[in-house]
Amino acid sequence: MGEMQIKIADEALLTRISDRARLNNRSVEEEVEALLQAAVPARPRREDLPAIAARIRAMTPKGVRQTSAVEMLREDRDR
């Protein structure tokens, strides 16, 4: 486990983080870690990309024609 020390000069920001931590039943340190986790998500591994693409494809209703990337690029260039 790594450690980090942060000095927050903005008292209002520290108050907002403290209030948020209290609402979430966490310590300020846990709240800051949760905020950082949300702000800096992990990048997907290369081997996970096909499954992610399949989930995205599954969101499109059956029978809906997908516009090819080539068509979209041409349309964008013609603007």
Protein backbone atom coordinates (compact mmCIF):
# COMPACT_ATOMS: atom_id res chain seq x y z
CA MET A 1 0.00 0.00 0.00
CA GLY A 2 1.37 3.39 -0.98
CA GLU A 3 1.01 6.57 0.96
CA MET A 4 0.31 10.10 -0.17
CA GLN A 5 0.20 13.32 1.73
CA ILE A 6 -1.95 16.13 0.36
CA LYS A 7 -2.09 19.70 1.59
CA ILE A 8 -5.40 21.30 0.73
CA ALA A 9 -5.16 25.07 0.83
CA ASP A 10 -8.83 25.59 -0.01
CA GLU A 11 -10.68 25.22 3.29
CA ALA A 12 -14.05 25.13 1.51
CA LEU A 13 -12.89 22.13 -0.53
CA LEU A 14 -11.71 20.35 2.59
CA THR A 15 -15.07 21.05 4.23
CA ARG A 16 -16.94 19.65 1.22
CA ILE A 17 -14.80 16.51 1.26
CA SER A 18 -15.30 16.12 5.02
CA ASP A 19 -19.06 16.58 4.67
CA ARG A 20 -19.16 14.07 1.84
CA ALA A 21 -17.12 11.58 3.87
CA ARG A 22 -19.51 11.91 6.78
CA LEU A 23 -22.52 11.36 4.48
CA ASN A 24 -20.87 8.23 3.07
CA ASN A 25 -19.81 6.94 6.50
CA ARG A 26 -16.14 7.08 5.53
CA SER A 27 -13.04 8.73 6.84
CA VAL A 28 -11.70 11.70 4.91
CA GLU A 29 -8.86 9.50 3.66
CA GLU A 30 -11.32 6.87 2.41
CA GLU A 31 -13.41 9.55 0.74
CA VAL A 32 -10.40 11.05 -1.04
CA GLU A 33 -9.43 7.56 -2.23
CA ALA A 34 -12.98 6.98 -3.53
CA LEU A 35 -12.89 10.32 -5.34
CA LEU A 36 -9.54 9.46 -6.92
CA GLN A 37 -10.78 6.00 -7.95
CA ALA A 38 -13.77 7.60 -9.68
CA ALA A 39 -11.67 10.31 -11.33
CA VAL A 40 -8.89 8.02 -12.55
CA PRO A 41 -10.45 4.75 -13.70
CA ALA A 42 -8.23 1.81 -14.56
CA ARG A 43 -7.61 1.29 -18.25
CA PRO A 44 -9.04 -1.95 -19.63
CA ARG A 45 -6.57 -4.69 -20.44
CA ARG A 46 -6.07 -5.43 -24.12
CA GLU A 47 -7.52 -8.92 -23.73
CA ASP A 48 -10.73 -7.44 -22.25
CA LEU A 49 -11.41 -5.18 -25.25
CA PRO A 50 -13.29 -7.75 -27.39
CA ALA A 51 -15.72 -8.44 -24.52
CA ILE A 52 -16.22 -4.70 -23.99
CA ALA A 53 -16.91 -4.23 -27.70
CA ALA A 54 -19.40 -7.12 -27.63
CA ARG A 55 -21.28 -5.50 -24.71
CA ILE A 56 -21.45 -2.22 -26.60
CA ARG A 57 -22.67 -3.99 -29.76
CA ALA A 58 -25.35 -5.75 -27.71
CA MET A 59 -26.80 -2.35 -26.77
CA THR A 60 -27.86 -1.73 -30.37
CA PRO A 61 -31.33 -3.08 -31.16
CA LYS A 62 -31.46 -5.93 -33.68
CA GLY A 63 -32.09 -4.84 -37.24
CA VAL A 64 -30.64 -1.36 -36.79
CA ARG A 65 -28.06 -0.70 -39.49
CA GLN A 66 -24.70 0.41 -38.17
CA THR A 67 -23.08 3.33 -39.94
CA SER A 68 -19.58 2.44 -41.02
CA ALA A 69 -16.68 4.49 -39.77
CA VAL A 70 -15.74 5.26 -43.38
CA GLU A 71 -19.16 6.81 -44.01
CA MET A 72 -18.96 8.88 -40.86
CA LEU A 73 -15.48 10.14 -41.71
CA ARG A 74 -16.53 11.08 -45.24
CA GLU A 75 -19.60 12.87 -43.95
CA ASP A 76 -17.52 14.75 -41.42
CA ARG A 77 -14.94 15.76 -44.03
CA ASP A 78 -17.65 17.06 -46.36
CA ARG A 79 -18.90 19.57 -43.79
